[in-house]
Every structure is written in C-alpha cells, then in structure tokens.
Amino acid sequence: MKWIKYKQGQFPPPCVEVLAYNSKWIDKEINPKGIRLGFYSGGGANFISTVWSDDKGCYITCGDNNEEDCNPDYWKYIEQFELYKKNYIG
C-alpha cells in the first residue's frame, strides 16, 4: 500500500483508523519511524493521533486542541481495513 500526501481533497475517510507519518514525530527512543495511529475526524476538523507522553506514562491524543504538529505529512490505510472494504463495502 502506498503513502498518500495529507492535503485537501486527499484526507482519509472520516473516523477510519490509518497509519500516519510526520518527520516531526521522529524520536530516536520513542518513535524512531515517525509513525502514529490516527484518524481524520471529518468536516475540515483536525487529524487525531496517539502520542506517547513520558510525563503521564501513557498514550494521549494529539489534535483535539488544534495543535499544529498533529497533522501528518502522509497517511495510508491499515491493511486489514483494505480487506474489510473489499469484502464488505465493495
């Protein structure tokens, strides 16, 4: 599956979990590939993703407060969704 540029007209379908990449998300210890799990909430709203918080010791959401660094550079479907889409959606 190929990576798709995150830009107007090429957002993922609303509320479908996708893999997302942003070079700003690369952290050698926590996220060396810069990839997060997330979804586009639709209607021009932000992209919501998960991010590790060392302060809290757990994952938190990024994007529900209009944070600028929460939008990915690229996104792609998770392989299981493609199989589901093919078998059940058409």
N, C-alpha and C. Protein backbone atom coordinates (compact mmCIF):
# COMPACT_ATOMS: atom_id res chain seq x y z
N MET A 1 0.82 -1.17 0.00
CA MET A 1 0.00 0.00 0.00
C MET A 1 0.87 1.25 0.00
N LYS A 2 0.49 2.24 -0.76
CA LYS A 2 1.32 3.43 -0.87
C LYS A 2 0.89 4.50 0.14
N TRP A 3 1.83 5.38 0.47
CA TRP A 3 1.56 6.51 1.33
C TRP A 3 0.92 7.61 0.49
N ILE A 4 -0.07 8.29 1.06
CA ILE A 4 -0.81 9.35 0.38
C ILE A 4 -0.52 10.68 1.09
N LYS A 5 -0.21 11.71 0.31
CA LYS A 5 0.07 13.03 0.88
C LYS A 5 -1.18 13.55 1.58
N TYR A 6 -1.00 14.04 2.80
CA TYR A 6 -2.12 14.59 3.57
C TYR A 6 -2.35 16.02 3.14
N LYS A 7 -3.36 16.23 2.31
CA LYS A 7 -3.69 17.58 1.83
C LYS A 7 -5.16 17.62 1.48
N GLN A 8 -5.67 18.82 1.29
CA GLN A 8 -7.08 19.00 0.96
C GLN A 8 -7.46 18.12 -0.23
N GLY A 9 -8.54 17.38 -0.09
CA GLY A 9 -9.01 16.51 -1.15
C GLY A 9 -8.43 15.10 -1.09
N GLN A 10 -7.44 14.89 -0.24
CA GLN A 10 -6.83 13.56 -0.10
C GLN A 10 -6.77 13.13 1.35
N PHE A 11 -7.72 13.59 2.15
CA PHE A 11 -7.79 13.16 3.55
C PHE A 11 -8.35 11.75 3.60
N PRO A 12 -8.02 10.99 4.64
CA PRO A 12 -8.65 9.67 4.80
C PRO A 12 -10.16 9.84 5.04
N PRO A 13 -10.94 8.78 4.82
CA PRO A 13 -12.36 8.86 5.15
C PRO A 13 -12.52 9.18 6.65
N PRO A 14 -13.51 9.97 7.02
CA PRO A 14 -13.68 10.30 8.43
C PRO A 14 -13.81 9.08 9.33
N CYS A 15 -13.14 9.13 10.46
CA CYS A 15 -13.22 8.14 11.53
C CYS A 15 -12.69 6.75 11.17
N VAL A 16 -11.92 6.63 10.10
CA VAL A 16 -11.27 5.36 9.74
C VAL A 16 -9.83 5.42 10.22
N GLU A 17 -9.44 4.47 11.06
CA GLU A 17 -8.06 4.45 11.57
C GLU A 17 -7.09 4.21 10.43
N VAL A 18 -6.01 5.00 10.41
CA VAL A 18 -4.97 4.88 9.39
C VAL A 18 -3.61 5.01 10.06
N LEU A 19 -2.58 4.61 9.33
CA LEU A 19 -1.21 4.89 9.76
C LEU A 19 -0.85 6.27 9.25
N ALA A 20 -0.16 7.04 10.06
CA ALA A 20 0.19 8.41 9.69
C ALA A 20 1.67 8.64 9.96
N TYR A 21 2.29 9.47 9.11
CA TYR A 21 3.72 9.77 9.25
C TYR A 21 3.95 11.28 9.20
N ASN A 22 4.82 11.75 10.07
CA ASN A 22 5.30 13.12 10.03
C ASN A 22 6.75 13.11 10.50
N SER A 23 7.62 13.75 9.77
CA SER A 23 9.04 13.75 10.14
C SER A 23 9.26 14.41 11.50
N LYS A 24 8.36 15.30 11.92
CA LYS A 24 8.47 15.94 13.23
C LYS A 24 8.20 14.97 14.37
N TRP A 25 7.56 13.84 14.07
CA TRP A 25 7.22 12.86 15.09
C TRP A 25 8.36 11.88 15.38
N ILE A 26 9.44 11.95 14.62
CA ILE A 26 10.55 11.02 14.83
C ILE A 26 11.24 11.33 16.15
N ASP A 27 11.39 10.31 16.96
CA ASP A 27 12.12 10.38 18.22
C ASP A 27 12.93 9.10 18.33
N LYS A 28 14.23 9.21 18.46
CA LYS A 28 15.10 8.03 18.42
C LYS A 28 14.72 6.97 19.45
N GLU A 29 14.23 7.37 20.61
CA GLU A 29 13.91 6.41 21.67
C GLU A 29 12.46 5.95 21.66
N ILE A 30 11.54 6.85 21.36
CA ILE A 30 10.12 6.53 21.49
C ILE A 30 9.46 6.17 20.17
N ASN A 31 9.79 6.89 19.10
CA ASN A 31 9.14 6.67 17.81
C ASN A 31 10.15 6.88 16.67
N PRO A 32 11.07 5.94 16.49
CA PRO A 32 12.14 6.14 15.50
C PRO A 32 11.67 6.19 14.04
N LYS A 33 10.47 5.72 13.75
CA LYS A 33 9.96 5.76 12.37
C LYS A 33 9.03 6.94 12.11
N GLY A 34 8.61 7.64 13.15
CA GLY A 34 7.72 8.79 12.98
C GLY A 34 6.31 8.41 12.56
N ILE A 35 5.86 7.22 12.94
CA ILE A 35 4.54 6.72 12.53
C ILE A 35 3.63 6.66 13.75
N ARG A 36 2.39 7.09 13.54
CA ARG A 36 1.36 7.04 14.59
C ARG A 36 0.08 6.43 14.01
N LEU A 37 -0.76 5.97 14.90
CA LEU A 37 -2.10 5.53 14.56
C LEU A 37 -3.03 6.73 14.76
N GLY A 38 -3.93 6.97 13.81
CA GLY A 38 -4.83 8.10 13.97
C GLY A 38 -5.99 8.05 13.00
N PHE A 39 -6.78 9.14 13.00
CA PHE A 39 -7.91 9.24 12.09
C PHE A 39 -8.24 10.70 11.83
N TYR A 40 -8.87 10.94 10.68
CA TYR A 40 -9.36 12.26 10.32
C TYR A 40 -10.79 12.35 10.82
N SER A 41 -11.09 13.38 11.60
CA SER A 41 -12.42 13.45 12.19
C SER A 41 -13.48 14.01 11.26
N GLY A 42 -13.08 14.52 10.10
CA GLY A 42 -14.03 14.95 9.08
C GLY A 42 -14.47 16.39 9.22
N GLY A 43 -15.09 16.87 8.15
CA GLY A 43 -15.65 18.21 8.16
C GLY A 43 -14.65 19.34 8.32
N GLY A 44 -13.44 19.15 7.86
CA GLY A 44 -12.42 20.18 7.98
C GLY A 44 -11.76 20.22 9.34
N ALA A 45 -12.11 19.30 10.21
CA ALA A 45 -11.51 19.24 11.55
C ALA A 45 -10.11 18.66 11.48
N ASN A 46 -9.47 18.58 12.60
CA ASN A 46 -8.08 18.11 12.67
C ASN A 46 -7.96 16.60 12.53
N PHE A 47 -6.72 16.19 12.33
CA PHE A 47 -6.34 14.79 12.37
C PHE A 47 -6.04 14.46 13.83
N ILE A 48 -6.61 13.38 14.32
CA ILE A 48 -6.40 12.95 15.71
C ILE A 48 -5.47 11.76 15.70
N SER A 49 -4.41 11.82 16.52
CA SER A 49 -3.48 10.69 16.58
C SER A 49 -3.07 10.43 18.02
N THR A 50 -2.43 9.29 18.21
CA THR A 50 -1.93 8.93 19.53
C THR A 50 -0.45 9.29 19.63
N VAL A 51 -0.05 9.72 20.80
CA VAL A 51 1.34 10.09 21.03
C VAL A 51 1.71 9.70 22.47
N TRP A 52 2.91 9.19 22.64
CA TRP A 52 3.36 8.79 23.97
C TRP A 52 3.71 10.02 24.80
N SER A 53 3.25 10.05 26.04
CA SER A 53 3.58 11.12 26.98
C SER A 53 4.45 10.56 28.09
N ASP A 54 5.72 10.95 28.11
CA ASP A 54 6.61 10.50 29.18
C ASP A 54 6.14 11.02 30.54
N ASP A 55 5.60 12.23 30.56
CA ASP A 55 5.13 12.81 31.82
C ASP A 55 4.02 11.99 32.45
N LYS A 56 3.11 11.50 31.62
CA LYS A 56 1.96 10.75 32.12
C LYS A 56 2.18 9.24 32.10
N GLY A 57 3.17 8.78 31.33
CA GLY A 57 3.45 7.35 31.25
C GLY A 57 2.41 6.57 30.48
N CYS A 58 1.77 7.24 29.50
CA CYS A 58 0.75 6.56 28.70
C CYS A 58 0.58 7.31 27.38
N TYR A 59 -0.24 6.73 26.49
CA TYR A 59 -0.56 7.41 25.24
C TYR A 59 -1.65 8.44 25.48
N ILE A 60 -1.56 9.56 24.77
CA ILE A 60 -2.59 10.59 24.82
C ILE A 60 -2.96 10.96 23.39
N THR A 61 -4.04 11.68 23.21
CA THR A 61 -4.43 12.09 21.87
C THR A 61 -3.80 13.44 21.52
N CYS A 62 -3.53 13.59 20.26
CA CYS A 62 -2.98 14.83 19.73
C CYS A 62 -3.89 15.26 18.60
N GLY A 63 -4.32 16.51 18.60
CA GLY A 63 -5.14 17.00 17.51
C GLY A 63 -6.50 17.50 17.93
N ASP A 64 -6.94 17.15 19.12
CA ASP A 64 -8.27 17.60 19.53
C ASP A 64 -8.26 19.01 20.10
N ASN A 65 -7.09 19.64 20.18
CA ASN A 65 -6.98 21.03 20.65
C ASN A 65 -6.31 21.93 19.62
N ASN A 66 -6.44 21.57 18.34
CA ASN A 66 -5.87 22.35 17.23
C ASN A 66 -4.35 22.48 17.26
N GLU A 67 -3.65 21.49 17.79
CA GLU A 67 -2.19 21.52 17.78
C GLU A 67 -1.69 21.39 16.35
N GLU A 68 -0.76 22.23 15.99
CA GLU A 68 -0.29 22.28 14.61
C GLU A 68 0.50 21.05 14.19
N ASP A 69 1.29 20.48 15.08
CA ASP A 69 2.14 19.35 14.73
C ASP A 69 1.41 18.01 14.72
N CYS A 70 0.11 18.01 14.82
CA CYS A 70 -0.63 16.75 14.88
C CYS A 70 -1.05 16.23 13.51
N ASN A 71 -1.04 17.09 12.51
CA ASN A 71 -1.39 16.62 11.17
C ASN A 71 -0.20 15.89 10.55
N PRO A 72 -0.48 14.77 9.90
CA PRO A 72 0.61 14.01 9.28
C PRO A 72 1.05 14.64 7.96
N ASP A 73 2.23 14.24 7.51
CA ASP A 73 2.67 14.59 6.15
C ASP A 73 2.06 13.61 5.15
N TYR A 74 1.98 12.34 5.57
CA TYR A 74 1.46 11.26 4.73
C TYR A 74 0.61 10.32 5.58
N TRP A 75 -0.27 9.58 4.94
CA TRP A 75 -1.08 8.58 5.61
C TRP A 75 -1.30 7.40 4.67
N LYS A 76 -1.66 6.26 5.25
CA LYS A 76 -2.04 5.10 4.43
C LYS A 76 -2.99 4.22 5.21
N TYR A 77 -3.81 3.49 4.45
CA TYR A 77 -4.75 2.57 5.08
C TYR A 77 -4.01 1.46 5.81
N ILE A 78 -4.62 0.98 6.87
CA ILE A 78 -4.12 -0.21 7.55
C ILE A 78 -4.60 -1.40 6.72
N GLU A 79 -3.74 -2.33 6.49
CA GLU A 79 -4.03 -3.43 5.57
C GLU A 79 -5.35 -4.14 5.88
N GLN A 80 -5.68 -4.35 7.14
CA GLN A 80 -6.91 -5.04 7.49
C GLN A 80 -8.14 -4.28 7.00
N PHE A 81 -8.09 -2.93 6.99
CA PHE A 81 -9.23 -2.16 6.50
C PHE A 81 -9.44 -2.41 5.02
N GLU A 82 -8.36 -2.49 4.26
CA GLU A 82 -8.50 -2.76 2.83
C GLU A 82 -9.20 -4.09 2.58
N LEU A 83 -8.86 -5.11 3.38
CA LEU A 83 -9.54 -6.40 3.23
C LEU A 83 -11.01 -6.29 3.61
N TYR A 84 -11.31 -5.57 4.69
CA TYR A 84 -12.69 -5.37 5.10
C TYR A 84 -13.47 -4.62 4.03
N LYS A 85 -12.87 -3.56 3.52
CA LYS A 85 -13.52 -2.74 2.49
C LYS A 85 -13.84 -3.59 1.25
N LYS A 86 -12.87 -4.40 0.84
CA LYS A 86 -13.04 -5.25 -0.34
C LYS A 86 -14.16 -6.26 -0.14
N ASN A 87 -14.21 -6.88 1.05
CA ASN A 87 -15.17 -7.94 1.31
C ASN A 87 -16.56 -7.47 1.69
N TYR A 88 -16.66 -6.30 2.33
CA TYR A 88 -17.95 -5.90 2.88
C TYR A 88 -18.50 -4.58 2.34
N ILE A 89 -17.65 -3.71 1.83
CA ILE A 89 -18.13 -2.41 1.37
C ILE A 89 -18.21 -2.38 -0.16
N GLY A 90 -17.25 -3.01 -0.79
CA GLY A 90 -17.28 -3.08 -2.25
C GLY A 90 -16.24 -2.27 -2.94
